[in-house]
Amino acid sequence: MLKFLTDENIFPSTLEILRSYNFDVMDIKESGLIGISDREIMDLAKREGRIIISLDLHFANIFLFPPNECPGIIVIRIKPAVPAKVDRAMEDFLQRMDPKKIEKALVIISEDKFRIRR
């Protein structure tokens, strides 16, 4: 089963969607870790074996955050990033994704598609 680490910018409704699929989700806000750096998030994901989910485009920089050095990174790239649009895109992604293909990869989710980069 996939395990996720959600950044503090992920909406509570998006967390609910992830959990409705019975994924193991650790949220930065719920864990009392608000304000930790992106590097600390990456290190936590490595230790916990979790795929990072964030709206933060810094995580899409494969030179700063190589996805093959952690369980994986998912960046949600939707403008404007409002709960309804993010939730719809996440639901679509979860219904179509192949868990094996997102491990140790960078996934960019947009409103109508997602891209996987290794």
PDB file of N, CA and C in Angstrom:
ATOM      1  N   MET A   1       0.845  -1.187   0.000  1.00  0.00           N
ATOM      2  CA  MET A   1       0.000   0.000   0.000  1.00  0.00           C
ATOM      3  C   MET A   1       0.882   1.240   0.000  1.00  0.00           C
ATOM      4  N   LEU A   2       0.495   2.225  -0.785  1.00  0.00           N
ATOM      5  CA  LEU A   2       1.234   3.474  -0.840  1.00  0.00           C
ATOM      6  C   LEU A   2       1.054   4.264   0.448  1.00  0.00           C
ATOM      7  N   LYS A   3       2.140   4.938   0.835  1.00  0.00           N
ATOM      8  CA  LYS A   3       2.103   5.813   2.000  1.00  0.00           C
ATOM      9  C   LYS A   3       2.459   7.216   1.526  1.00  0.00           C
ATOM     10  N   PHE A   4       1.702   8.195   1.991  1.00  0.00           N
ATOM     11  CA  PHE A   4       1.898   9.570   1.558  1.00  0.00           C
ATOM     12  C   PHE A   4       2.257  10.475   2.727  1.00  0.00           C
ATOM     13  N   LEU A   5       3.003  11.535   2.409  1.00  0.00           N
ATOM     14  CA  LEU A   5       3.309  12.620   3.334  1.00  0.00           C
ATOM     15  C   LEU A   5       2.793  13.884   2.673  1.00  0.00           C
ATOM     16  N   THR A   6       1.779  14.504   3.272  1.00  0.00           N
ATOM     17  CA  THR A   6       1.190  15.692   2.657  1.00  0.00           C
ATOM     18  C   THR A   6       1.767  16.950   3.293  1.00  0.00           C
ATOM     19  N   ASP A   7       2.176  17.865   2.431  1.00  0.00           N
ATOM     20  CA  ASP A   7       2.729  19.145   2.830  1.00  0.00           C
ATOM     21  C   ASP A   7       1.640  19.976   3.509  1.00  0.00           C
ATOM     22  N   GLU A   8       2.051  21.014   4.219  1.00  0.00           N
ATOM     23  CA  GLU A   8       1.091  21.833   4.958  1.00  0.00           C
ATOM     24  C   GLU A   8       0.132  22.589   4.046  1.00  0.00           C
ATOM     25  N   ASN A   9       0.425  22.671   2.747  1.00  0.00           N
ATOM     26  CA  ASN A   9      -0.458  23.388   1.829  1.00  0.00           C
ATOM     27  C   ASN A   9      -1.548  22.506   1.212  1.00  0.00           C
ATOM     28  N   ILE A  10      -1.645  21.269   1.623  1.00  0.00           N
ATOM     29  CA  ILE A  10      -2.679  20.365   1.100  1.00  0.00           C
ATOM     30  C   ILE A  10      -3.959  20.536   1.909  1.00  0.00           C
ATOM     31  N   PHE A  11      -5.061  20.666   1.201  1.00  0.00           N
ATOM     32  CA  PHE A  11      -6.351  20.944   1.827  1.00  0.00           C
ATOM     33  C   PHE A  11      -6.878  19.742   2.622  1.00  0.00           C
ATOM     34  N   PRO A  12      -7.600  19.993   3.716  1.00  0.00           N
ATOM     35  CA  PRO A  12      -8.224  18.898   4.477  1.00  0.00           C
ATOM     36  C   PRO A  12      -9.123  18.007   3.604  1.00  0.00           C
ATOM     37  N   SER A  13      -9.823  18.607   2.647  1.00  0.00           N
ATOM     38  CA  SER A  13     -10.698  17.810   1.776  1.00  0.00           C
ATOM     39  C   SER A  13      -9.877  16.859   0.894  1.00  0.00           C
ATOM     40  N   THR A  14      -8.682  17.273   0.502  1.00  0.00           N
ATOM     41  CA  THR A  14      -7.812  16.408  -0.289  1.00  0.00           C
ATOM     42  C   THR A  14      -7.310  15.248   0.570  1.00  0.00           C
ATOM     43  N   LEU A  15      -7.010  15.545   1.832  1.00  0.00           N
ATOM     44  CA  LEU A  15      -6.628  14.476   2.769  1.00  0.00           C
ATOM     45  C   LEU A  15      -7.745  13.437   2.878  1.00  0.00           C
ATOM     46  N   GLU A  16      -8.976  13.920   2.979  1.00  0.00           N
ATOM     47  CA  GLU A  16     -10.122  13.006   3.078  1.00  0.00           C
ATOM     48  C   GLU A  16     -10.212  12.091   1.857  1.00  0.00           C
ATOM     49  N   ILE A  17      -9.970  12.654   0.676  1.00  0.00           N
ATOM     50  CA  ILE A  17     -10.013  11.849  -0.549  1.00  0.00           C
ATOM     51  C   ILE A  17      -8.944  10.762  -0.497  1.00  0.00           C
ATOM     52  N   LEU A  18      -7.716  11.142  -0.139  1.00  0.00           N
ATOM     53  CA  LEU A  18      -6.632  10.153  -0.048  1.00  0.00           C
ATOM     54  C   LEU A  18      -6.982   9.050   0.945  1.00  0.00           C
ATOM     55  N   ARG A  19      -7.514   9.433   2.077  1.00  0.00           N
ATOM     56  CA  ARG A  19      -7.859   8.443   3.105  1.00  0.00           C
ATOM     57  C   ARG A  19      -9.052   7.595   2.710  1.00  0.00           C
ATOM     58  N   SER A  20      -9.935   8.131   1.870  1.00  0.00           N
ATOM     59  CA  SER A  20     -11.084   7.333   1.416  1.00  0.00           C
ATOM     60  C   SER A  20     -10.642   6.163   0.543  1.00  0.00           C
ATOM     61  N   TYR A  21      -9.428   6.253  -0.003  1.00  0.00           N
ATOM     62  CA  TYR A  21      -8.841   5.154  -0.781  1.00  0.00           C
ATOM     63  C   TYR A  21      -8.020   4.227   0.114  1.00  0.00           C
ATOM     64  N   ASN A  22      -8.119   4.450   1.417  1.00  0.00           N
ATOM     65  CA  ASN A  22      -7.422   3.649   2.434  1.00  0.00           C
ATOM     66  C   ASN A  22      -5.894   3.752   2.358  1.00  0.00           C
ATOM     67  N   PHE A  23      -5.389   4.891   1.863  1.00  0.00           N
ATOM     68  CA  PHE A  23      -3.953   5.124   1.885  1.00  0.00           C
ATOM     69  C   PHE A  23      -3.537   5.563   3.277  1.00  0.00           C
ATOM     70  N   ASP A  24      -2.316   5.241   3.627  1.00  0.00           N
ATOM     71  CA  ASP A  24      -1.711   5.684   4.878  1.00  0.00           C
ATOM     72  C   ASP A  24      -1.195   7.101   4.619  1.00  0.00           C
ATOM     73  N   VAL A  25      -1.816   8.097   5.254  1.00  0.00           N
ATOM     74  CA  VAL A  25      -1.485   9.496   4.999  1.00  0.00           C
ATOM     75  C   VAL A  25      -1.003  10.155   6.287  1.00  0.00           C
ATOM     76  N   MET A  26       0.207  10.705   6.230  1.00  0.00           N
ATOM     77  CA  MET A  26       0.753  11.504   7.326  1.00  0.00           C
ATOM     78  C   MET A  26       0.735  12.954   6.844  1.00  0.00           C
ATOM     79  N   ASP A  27       0.073  13.820   7.599  1.00  0.00           N
ATOM     80  CA  ASP A  27      -0.060  15.222   7.209  1.00  0.00           C
ATOM     81  C   ASP A  27       0.843  16.089   8.082  1.00  0.00           C
ATOM     82  N   ILE A  28       1.561  17.003   7.462  1.00  0.00           N
ATOM     83  CA  ILE A  28       2.463  17.903   8.189  1.00  0.00           C
ATOM     84  C   ILE A  28       1.698  18.691   9.252  1.00  0.00           C
ATOM     85  N   LYS A  29       0.524  19.213   8.902  1.00  0.00           N
ATOM     86  CA  LYS A  29      -0.264  20.019   9.857  1.00  0.00           C
ATOM     87  C   LYS A  29      -0.703  19.174  11.050  1.00  0.00           C
ATOM     88  N   GLU A  30      -1.271  18.016  10.770  1.00  0.00           N
ATOM     89  CA  GLU A  30      -1.771  17.150  11.839  1.00  0.00           C
ATOM     90  C   GLU A  30      -0.645  16.640  12.734  1.00  0.00           C
ATOM     91  N   SER A  31       0.558  16.570  12.183  1.00  0.00           N
ATOM     92  CA  SER A  31       1.706  16.077  12.948  1.00  0.00           C
ATOM     93  C   SER A  31       2.399  17.175  13.746  1.00  0.00           C
ATOM     94  N   GLY A  32       1.895  18.407  13.654  1.00  0.00           N
ATOM     95  CA  GLY A  32       2.491  19.516  14.389  1.00  0.00           C
ATOM     96  C   GLY A  32       3.832  19.963  13.837  1.00  0.00           C
ATOM     97  N   LEU A  33       4.040  19.756  12.536  1.00  0.00           N
ATOM     98  CA  LEU A  33       5.325  20.078  11.925  1.00  0.00           C
ATOM     99  C   LEU A  33       5.253  21.288  10.984  1.00  0.00           C
ATOM    100  N   ILE A  34       4.250  22.127  11.165  1.00  0.00           N
ATOM    101  CA  ILE A  34       4.112  23.305  10.310  1.00  0.00           C
ATOM    102  C   ILE A  34       5.371  24.147  10.393  1.00  0.00           C
ATOM    103  N   GLY A  35       5.832  24.585   9.231  1.00  0.00           N
ATOM    104  CA  GLY A  35       6.995  25.456   9.177  1.00  0.00           C
ATOM    105  C   GLY A  35       8.313  24.749   8.917  1.00  0.00           C
ATOM    106  N   ILE A  36       8.305  23.398   8.862  1.00  0.00           N
ATOM    107  CA  ILE A  36       9.578  22.735   8.567  1.00  0.00           C
ATOM    108  C   ILE A  36       9.958  23.004   7.112  1.00  0.00           C
ATOM    109  N   SER A  37      11.232  22.950   6.823  1.00  0.00           N
ATOM    110  CA  SER A  37      11.732  23.262   5.484  1.00  0.00           C
ATOM    111  C   SER A  37      11.407  22.143   4.497  1.00  0.00           C
ATOM    112  N   ASP A  38      11.511  22.482   3.224  1.00  0.00           N
ATOM    113  CA  ASP A  38      11.304  21.472   2.181  1.00  0.00           C
ATOM    114  C   ASP A  38      12.313  20.333   2.322  1.00  0.00           C
ATOM    115  N   ARG A  39      13.538  20.662   2.682  1.00  0.00           N
ATOM    116  CA  ARG A  39      14.577  19.636   2.872  1.00  0.00           C
ATOM    117  C   ARG A  39      14.182  18.695   4.018  1.00  0.00           C
ATOM    118  N   GLU A  40      13.631  19.265   5.103  1.00  0.00           N
ATOM    119  CA  GLU A  40      13.186  18.434   6.231  1.00  0.00           C
ATOM    120  C   GLU A  40      12.013  17.546   5.826  1.00  0.00           C
ATOM    121  N   ILE A  41      11.149  18.057   4.956  1.00  0.00           N
ATOM    122  CA  ILE A  41      10.035  17.249   4.443  1.00  0.00           C
ATOM    123  C   ILE A  41      10.593  16.071   3.642  1.00  0.00           C
ATOM    124  N   MET A  42      11.577  16.350   2.798  1.00  0.00           N
ATOM    125  CA  MET A  42      12.199  15.295   1.995  1.00  0.00           C
ATOM    126  C   MET A  42      12.844  14.244   2.897  1.00  0.00           C
ATOM    127  N   ASP A  43      13.564  14.694   3.911  1.00  0.00           N
ATOM    128  CA  ASP A  43      14.212  13.757   4.835  1.00  0.00           C
ATOM    129  C   ASP A  43      13.187  12.919   5.583  1.00  0.00           C
ATOM    130  N   LEU A  44      12.082  13.530   5.999  1.00  0.00           N
ATOM    131  CA  LEU A  44      11.013  12.804   6.686  1.00  0.00           C
ATOM    132  C   LEU A  44      10.394  11.758   5.755  1.00  0.00           C
ATOM    133  N   ALA A  45      10.171  12.138   4.507  1.00  0.00           N
ATOM    134  CA  ALA A  45       9.600  11.195   3.537  1.00  0.00           C
ATOM    135  C   ALA A  45      10.518   9.990   3.357  1.00  0.00           C
ATOM    136  N   LYS A  46      11.816  10.238   3.300  1.00  0.00           N
ATOM    137  CA  LYS A  46      12.782   9.135   3.167  1.00  0.00           C
ATOM    138  C   LYS A  46      12.716   8.206   4.375  1.00  0.00           C
ATOM    139  N   ARG A  47      12.750   8.805   5.580  1.00  0.00           N
ATOM    140  CA  ARG A  47      12.731   7.989   6.811  1.00  0.00           C
ATOM    141  C   ARG A  47      11.457   7.176   6.941  1.00  0.00           C
ATOM    142  N   GLU A  48      10.340   7.792   6.574  1.00  0.00           N
ATOM    143  CA  GLU A  48       9.023   7.159   6.752  1.00  0.00           C
ATOM    144  C   GLU A  48       8.603   6.298   5.556  1.00  0.00           C
ATOM    145  N   GLY A  49       9.329   6.392   4.445  1.00  0.00           N
ATOM    146  CA  GLY A  49       8.943   5.642   3.248  1.00  0.00           C
ATOM    147  C   GLY A  49       7.656   6.153   2.643  1.00  0.00           C
ATOM    148  N   ARG A  50       7.544   7.482   2.545  1.00  0.00           N
ATOM    149  CA  ARG A  50       6.301   8.111   2.077  1.00  0.00           C
ATOM    150  C   ARG A  50       6.535   8.956   0.829  1.00  0.00           C
ATOM    151  N   ILE A  51       5.548   8.974  -0.052  1.00  0.00           N
ATOM    152  CA  ILE A  51       5.549   9.821  -1.238  1.00  0.00           C
ATOM    153  C   ILE A  51       5.046  11.201  -0.823  1.00  0.00           C
ATOM    154  N   ILE A  52       5.806  12.227  -1.164  1.00  0.00           N
ATOM    155  CA  ILE A  52       5.437  13.603  -0.832  1.00  0.00           C
ATOM    156  C   ILE A  52       4.332  14.071  -1.772  1.00  0.00           C
ATOM    157  N   ILE A  53       3.326  14.762  -1.218  1.00  0.00           N
ATOM    158  CA  ILE A  53       2.309  15.441  -2.020  1.00  0.00           C
ATOM    159  C   ILE A  53       2.329  16.901  -1.604  1.00  0.00           C
ATOM    160  N   SER A  54       2.479  17.803  -2.594  1.00  0.00           N
ATOM    161  CA  SER A  54       2.602  19.221  -2.284  1.00  0.00           C
ATOM    162  C   SER A  54       2.083  20.079  -3.429  1.00  0.00           C
ATOM    163  N   LEU A  55       1.740  21.305  -3.087  1.00  0.00           N
ATOM    164  CA  LEU A  55       1.444  22.334  -4.088  1.00  0.00           C
ATOM    165  C   LEU A  55       2.693  23.167  -4.364  1.00  0.00           C
ATOM    166  N   ASP A  56       3.750  22.911  -3.645  1.00  0.00           N
ATOM    167  CA  ASP A  56       4.993  23.678  -3.712  1.00  0.00           C
ATOM    168  C   ASP A  56       5.803  23.259  -4.935  1.00  0.00           C
ATOM    169  N   LEU A  57       5.972  24.181  -5.883  1.00  0.00           N
ATOM    170  CA  LEU A  57       6.686  23.863  -7.119  1.00  0.00           C
ATOM    171  C   LEU A  57       8.173  23.593  -6.905  1.00  0.00           C
ATOM    172  N   HIS A  58       8.722  23.963  -5.755  1.00  0.00           N
ATOM    173  CA  HIS A  58      10.126  23.648  -5.482  1.00  0.00           C
ATOM    174  C   HIS A  58      10.367  22.132  -5.567  1.00  0.00           C
ATOM    175  N   PHE A  59       9.375  21.361  -5.168  1.00  0.00           N
ATOM    176  CA  PHE A  59       9.528  19.904  -5.199  1.00  0.00           C
ATOM    177  C   PHE A  59       9.587  19.355  -6.624  1.00  0.00           C
ATOM    178  N   ALA A  60       9.216  20.169  -7.620  1.00  0.00           N
ATOM    179  CA  ALA A  60       9.299  19.733  -9.014  1.00  0.00           C
ATOM    180  C   ALA A  60      10.696  19.914  -9.587  1.00  0.00           C
ATOM    181  N   ASN A  61      11.585  20.537  -8.833  1.00  0.00           N
ATOM    182  CA  ASN A  61      12.958  20.730  -9.272  1.00  0.00           C
ATOM    183  C   ASN A  61      13.749  19.464  -8.970  1.00  0.00           C
ATOM    184  N   ILE A  62      13.988  18.659 -10.007  1.00  0.00           N
ATOM    185  CA  ILE A  62      14.622  17.356  -9.796  1.00  0.00           C
ATOM    186  C   ILE A  62      16.094  17.474  -9.400  1.00  0.00           C
ATOM    187  N   PHE A  63      16.684  18.662  -9.564  1.00  0.00           N
ATOM    188  CA  PHE A  63      18.070  18.851  -9.135  1.00  0.00           C
ATOM    189  C   PHE A  63      18.139  19.099  -7.630  1.00  0.00           C
ATOM    190  N   LEU A  64      17.142  19.794  -7.091  1.00  0.00           N
ATOM    191  CA  LEU A  64      17.074  20.019  -5.648  1.00  0.00           C
ATOM    192  C   LEU A  64      16.482  18.829  -4.912  1.00  0.00           C
ATOM    193  N   PHE A  65      15.476  18.211  -5.523  1.00  0.00           N
ATOM    194  CA  PHE A  65      14.747  17.110  -4.889  1.00  0.00           C
ATOM    195  C   PHE A  65      14.613  15.945  -5.870  1.00  0.00           C
ATOM    196  N   PRO A  66      15.695  15.183  -6.055  1.00  0.00           N
ATOM    197  CA  PRO A  66      15.630  14.042  -6.984  1.00  0.00           C
ATOM    198  C   PRO A  66      14.599  13.015  -6.510  1.00  0.00           C
ATOM    199  N   PRO A  67      13.589  12.736  -7.316  1.00  0.00           N
ATOM    200  CA  PRO A  67      12.535  11.822  -6.871  1.00  0.00           C
ATOM    201  C   PRO A  67      13.022  10.400  -6.641  1.00  0.00           C
ATOM    202  N   ASN A  68      14.119  10.023  -7.285  1.00  0.00           N
ATOM    203  CA  ASN A  68      14.625   8.663  -7.090  1.00  0.00           C
ATOM    204  C   ASN A  68      15.356   8.500  -5.765  1.00  0.00           C
ATOM    205  N   GLU A  69      15.537   9.597  -5.025  1.00  0.00           N
ATOM    206  CA  GLU A  69      16.178   9.522  -3.713  1.00  0.00           C
ATOM    207  C   GLU A  69      15.168   9.413  -2.572  1.00  0.00           C
ATOM    208  N   CYS A  70      13.899   9.341  -2.925  1.00  0.00           N
ATOM    209  CA  CYS A  70      12.849   9.160  -1.918  1.00  0.00           C
ATOM    210  C   CYS A  70      11.772   8.284  -2.555  1.00  0.00           C
ATOM    211  N   PRO A  71      10.744   7.927  -1.808  1.00  0.00           N
ATOM    212  CA  PRO A  71       9.698   7.080  -2.387  1.00  0.00           C
ATOM    213  C   PRO A  71       8.959   7.704  -3.573  1.00  0.00           C
ATOM    214  N   GLY A  72       9.059   9.025  -3.741  1.00  0.00           N
ATOM    215  CA  GLY A  72       8.405   9.702  -4.852  1.00  0.00           C
ATOM    216  C   GLY A  72       7.903  11.076  -4.442  1.00  0.00           C
ATOM    217  N   ILE A  73       7.562  11.873  -5.450  1.00  0.00           N
ATOM    218  CA  ILE A  73       7.074  13.229  -5.224  1.00  0.00           C
ATOM    219  C   ILE A  73       5.903  13.474  -6.165  1.00  0.00           C
ATOM    220  N   ILE A  74       4.816  14.010  -5.609  1.00  0.00           N
ATOM    221  CA  ILE A  74       3.659  14.424  -6.404  1.00  0.00           C
ATOM    222  C   ILE A  74       3.484  15.919  -6.181  1.00  0.00           C
ATOM    223  N   VAL A  75       3.505  16.683  -7.282  1.00  0.00           N
ATOM    224  CA  VAL A  75       3.284  18.121  -7.206  1.00  0.00           C
ATOM    225  C   VAL A  75       1.984  18.428  -7.933  1.00  0.00           C
ATOM    226  N   ILE A  76       1.099  19.105  -7.235  1.00  0.00           N
ATOM    227  CA  ILE A  76      -0.184  19.500  -7.816  1.00  0.00           C
ATOM    228  C   ILE A  76      -0.018  20.907  -8.362  1.00  0.00           C
ATOM    229  N   ARG A  77      -0.208  21.040  -9.667  1.00  0.00           N
ATOM    230  CA  ARG A  77       0.024  22.312 -10.348  1.00  0.00           C
ATOM    231  C   ARG A  77      -1.282  22.768 -10.982  1.00  0.00           C
ATOM    232  N   ILE A  78      -2.088  23.443 -10.188  1.00  0.00           N
ATOM    233  CA  ILE A  78      -3.401  23.897 -10.632  1.00  0.00           C
ATOM    234  C   ILE A  78      -3.548  25.361 -10.262  1.00  0.00           C
ATOM    235  N   LYS A  79      -4.014  26.166 -11.217  1.00  0.00           N
ATOM    236  CA  LYS A  79      -4.230  27.597 -10.975  1.00  0.00           C
ATOM    237  C   LYS A  79      -5.677  27.935 -11.249  1.00  0.00           C
ATOM    238  N   PRO A  80      -6.363  28.601 -10.350  1.00  0.00           N
ATOM    239  CA  PRO A  80      -5.958  28.796  -8.969  1.00  0.00           C
ATOM    240  C   PRO A  80      -6.102  27.486  -8.192  1.00  0.00           C
ATOM    241  N   ALA A  81      -5.251  27.329  -7.201  1.00  0.00           N
ATOM    242  CA  ALA A  81      -5.260  26.101  -6.380  1.00  0.00           C
ATOM    243  C   ALA A  81      -6.336  26.235  -5.312  1.00  0.00           C
ATOM    244  N   VAL A  82      -7.546  25.948  -5.716  1.00  0.00           N
ATOM    245  CA  VAL A  82      -8.682  25.983  -4.784  1.00  0.00           C
ATOM    246  C   VAL A  82      -9.113  24.546  -4.511  1.00  0.00           C
ATOM    247  N   PRO A  83      -9.691  24.294  -3.347  1.00  0.00           N
ATOM    248  CA  PRO A  83     -10.020  22.910  -2.975  1.00  0.00           C
ATOM    249  C   PRO A  83     -10.800  22.132  -4.034  1.00  0.00           C
ATOM    250  N   ALA A  84     -11.814  22.719  -4.622  1.00  0.00           N
ATOM    251  CA  ALA A  84     -12.646  21.976  -5.582  1.00  0.00           C
ATOM    252  C   ALA A  84     -11.821  21.490  -6.773  1.00  0.00           C
ATOM    253  N   LYS A  85     -10.966  22.338  -7.317  1.00  0.00           N
ATOM    254  CA  LYS A  85     -10.148  21.961  -8.474  1.00  0.00           C
ATOM    255  C   LYS A  85      -9.072  20.937  -8.090  1.00  0.00           C
ATOM    256  N   VAL A  86      -8.426  21.160  -6.966  1.00  0.00           N
ATOM    257  CA  VAL A  86      -7.387  20.237  -6.508  1.00  0.00           C
ATOM    258  C   VAL A  86      -7.994  18.872  -6.211  1.00  0.00           C
ATOM    259  N   ASP A  87      -9.119  18.860  -5.529  1.00  0.00           N
ATOM    260  CA  ASP A  87      -9.773  17.592  -5.177  1.00  0.00           C
ATOM    261  C   ASP A  87     -10.210  16.820  -6.418  1.00  0.00           C
ATOM    262  N   ARG A  88     -10.750  17.526  -7.392  1.00  0.00           N
ATOM    263  CA  ARG A  88     -11.191  16.876  -8.626  1.00  0.00           C
ATOM    264  C   ARG A  88      -9.994  16.254  -9.357  1.00  0.00           C
ATOM    265  N   ALA A  89      -8.905  16.982  -9.428  1.00  0.00           N
ATOM    266  CA  ALA A  89      -7.705  16.474 -10.101  1.00  0.00           C
ATOM    267  C   ALA A  89      -7.106  15.287  -9.338  1.00  0.00           C
ATOM    268  N   MET A  90      -7.099  15.375  -8.015  1.00  0.00           N
ATOM    269  CA  MET A  90      -6.555  14.274  -7.208  1.00  0.00           C
ATOM    270  C   MET A  90      -7.407  13.016  -7.374  1.00  0.00           C
ATOM    271  N   GLU A  91      -8.709  13.175  -7.350  1.00  0.00           N
ATOM    272  CA  GLU A  91      -9.615  12.034  -7.530  1.00  0.00           C
ATOM    273  C   GLU A  91      -9.380  11.380  -8.892  1.00  0.00           C
ATOM    274  N   ASP A  92      -9.252  12.192  -9.926  1.00  0.00           N
ATOM    275  CA  ASP A  92      -9.004  11.669 -11.269  1.00  0.00           C
ATOM    276  C   ASP A  92      -7.665  10.929 -11.314  1.00  0.00           C
ATOM    277  N   PHE A  93      -6.643  11.510 -10.706  1.00  0.00           N
ATOM    278  CA  PHE A  93      -5.329  10.876 -10.663  1.00  0.00           C
ATOM    279  C   PHE A  93      -5.385   9.530  -9.947  1.00  0.00           C
ATOM    280  N   LEU A  94      -6.020   9.485  -8.795  1.00  0.00           N
ATOM    281  CA  LEU A  94      -6.079   8.252  -8.008  1.00  0.00           C
ATOM    282  C   LEU A  94      -6.811   7.135  -8.744  1.00  0.00           C
ATOM    283  N   GLN A  95      -7.797   7.495  -9.541  1.00  0.00           N
ATOM    284  CA  GLN A  95      -8.548   6.490 -10.290  1.00  0.00           C
ATOM    285  C   GLN A  95      -7.753   5.928 -11.467  1.00  0.00           C
ATOM    286  N   ARG A  96      -6.804   6.720 -11.992  1.00  0.00           N
ATOM    287  CA  ARG A  96      -6.088   6.307 -13.203  1.00  0.00           C
ATOM    288  C   ARG A  96      -4.636   5.893 -12.991  1.00  0.00           C
ATOM    289  N   MET A  97      -4.069   6.184 -11.848  1.00  0.00           N
ATOM    290  CA  MET A  97      -2.632   5.957 -11.661  1.00  0.00           C
ATOM    291  C   MET A  97      -2.302   4.494 -11.430  1.00  0.00           C
ATOM    292  N   ASP A  98      -1.070   4.158 -11.798  1.00  0.00           N
ATOM    293  CA  ASP A  98      -0.516   2.837 -11.543  1.00  0.00           C
ATOM    294  C   ASP A  98       0.501   3.001 -10.415  1.00  0.00           C
ATOM    295  N   PRO A  99       0.240   2.428  -9.230  1.00  0.00           N
ATOM    296  CA  PRO A  99       1.144   2.627  -8.091  1.00  0.00           C
ATOM    297  C   PRO A  99       2.608   2.310  -8.392  1.00  0.00           C
ATOM    298  N   LYS A 100       2.862   1.324  -9.218  1.00  0.00           N
ATOM    299  CA  LYS A 100       4.248   0.953  -9.522  1.00  0.00           C
ATOM    300  C   LYS A 100       4.968   2.037 -10.320  1.00  0.00           C
ATOM    301  N   LYS A 101       4.222   2.782 -11.125  1.00  0.00           N
ATOM    302  CA  LYS A 101       4.838   3.800 -11.980  1.00  0.00           C
ATOM    303  C   LYS A 101       5.134   5.103 -11.248  1.00  0.00           C
ATOM    304  N   ILE A 102       4.516   5.324 -10.091  1.00  0.00           N
ATOM    305  CA  ILE A 102       4.763   6.588  -9.399  1.00  0.00           C
ATOM    306  C   ILE A 102       5.837   6.472  -8.320  1.00  0.00           C
ATOM    307  N   GLU A 103       6.245   5.258  -7.997  1.00  0.00           N
ATOM    308  CA  GLU A 103       7.290   5.086  -6.992  1.00  0.00           C
ATOM    309  C   GLU A 103       8.615   5.593  -7.537  1.00  0.00           C
ATOM    310  N   LYS A 104       9.310   6.385  -6.714  1.00  0.00           N
ATOM    311  CA  LYS A 104      10.605   6.982  -7.063  1.00  0.00           C
ATOM    312  C   LYS A 104      10.524   7.835  -8.324  1.00  0.00           C
ATOM    313  N   ALA A 105       9.370   8.450  -8.557  1.00  0.00           N
ATOM    314  CA  ALA A 105       9.155   9.297  -9.735  1.00  0.00           C
ATOM    315  C   ALA A 105       8.622  10.655  -9.288  1.00  0.00           C
ATOM    316  N   LEU A 106       8.705  11.608 -10.195  1.00  0.00           N
ATOM    317  CA  LEU A 106       8.063  12.905 -10.003  1.00  0.00           C
ATOM    318  C   LEU A 106       6.782  12.883 -10.812  1.00  0.00           C
ATOM    319  N   VAL A 107       5.667  13.153 -10.152  1.00  0.00           N
ATOM    320  CA  VAL A 107       4.367  13.209 -10.818  1.00  0.00           C
ATOM    321  C   VAL A 107       3.869  14.651 -10.731  1.00  0.00           C
ATOM    322  N   ILE A 108       3.510  15.210 -11.872  1.00  0.00           N
ATOM    323  CA  ILE A 108       2.923  16.546 -11.914  1.00  0.00           C
ATOM    324  C   ILE A 108       1.452  16.381 -12.280  1.00  0.00           C
ATOM    325  N   ILE A 109       0.580  16.793 -11.366  1.00  0.00           N
ATOM    326  CA  ILE A 109      -0.864  16.694 -11.599  1.00  0.00           C
ATOM    327  C   ILE A 109      -1.379  18.061 -12.007  1.00  0.00           C
ATOM    328  N   SER A 110      -2.071  18.127 -13.138  1.00  0.00           N
ATOM    329  CA  SER A 110      -2.759  19.351 -13.548  1.00  0.00           C
ATOM    330  C   SER A 110      -4.253  19.049 -13.600  1.00  0.00           C
ATOM    331  N   GLU A 111      -5.024  20.018 -14.030  1.00  0.00           N
ATOM    332  CA  GLU A 111      -6.481  19.841 -13.981  1.00  0.00           C
ATOM    333  C   GLU A 111      -6.988  18.675 -14.803  1.00  0.00           C
ATOM    334  N   ASP A 112      -6.386  18.415 -15.951  1.00  0.00           N
ATOM    335  CA  ASP A 112      -6.948  17.402 -16.839  1.00  0.00           C
ATOM    336  C   ASP A 112      -5.999  16.251 -17.179  1.00  0.00           C
ATOM    337  N   LYS A 113      -4.795  16.250 -16.550  1.00  0.00           N
ATOM    338  CA  LYS A 113      -3.857  15.175 -16.865  1.00  0.00           C
ATOM    339  C   LYS A 113      -2.796  15.087 -15.768  1.00  0.00           C
ATOM    340  N   PHE A 114      -1.970  14.066 -15.877  1.00  0.00           N
ATOM    341  CA  PHE A 114      -0.796  13.993 -15.008  1.00  0.00           C
ATOM    342  C   PHE A 114       0.372  13.447 -15.825  1.00  0.00           C
ATOM    343  N   ARG A 115       1.583  13.886 -15.464  1.00  0.00           N
ATOM    344  CA  ARG A 115       2.798  13.451 -16.129  1.00  0.00           C
ATOM    345  C   ARG A 115       3.700  12.787 -15.112  1.00  0.00           C
ATOM    346  N   ILE A 116       4.380  11.750 -15.538  1.00  0.00           N
ATOM    347  CA  ILE A 116       5.314  11.036 -14.672  1.00  0.00           C
ATOM    348  C   ILE A 116       6.711  11.180 -15.259  1.00  0.00           C
ATOM    349  N   ARG A 117       7.633  11.614 -14.402  1.00  0.00           N
ATOM    350  CA  ARG A 117       9.009  11.779 -14.836  1.00  0.00           C
ATOM    351  C   ARG A 117       9.920  10.981 -13.912  1.00  0.00           C
ATOM    352  N   ARG A 118      10.790  10.225 -14.469  1.00  0.00           N
ATOM    353  CA  ARG A 118      11.729   9.415 -13.693  1.00  0.00           C
ATOM    354  C   ARG A 118      13.099  10.013 -13.737  1.00  0.00           C
TER     355      ARG A 118
END
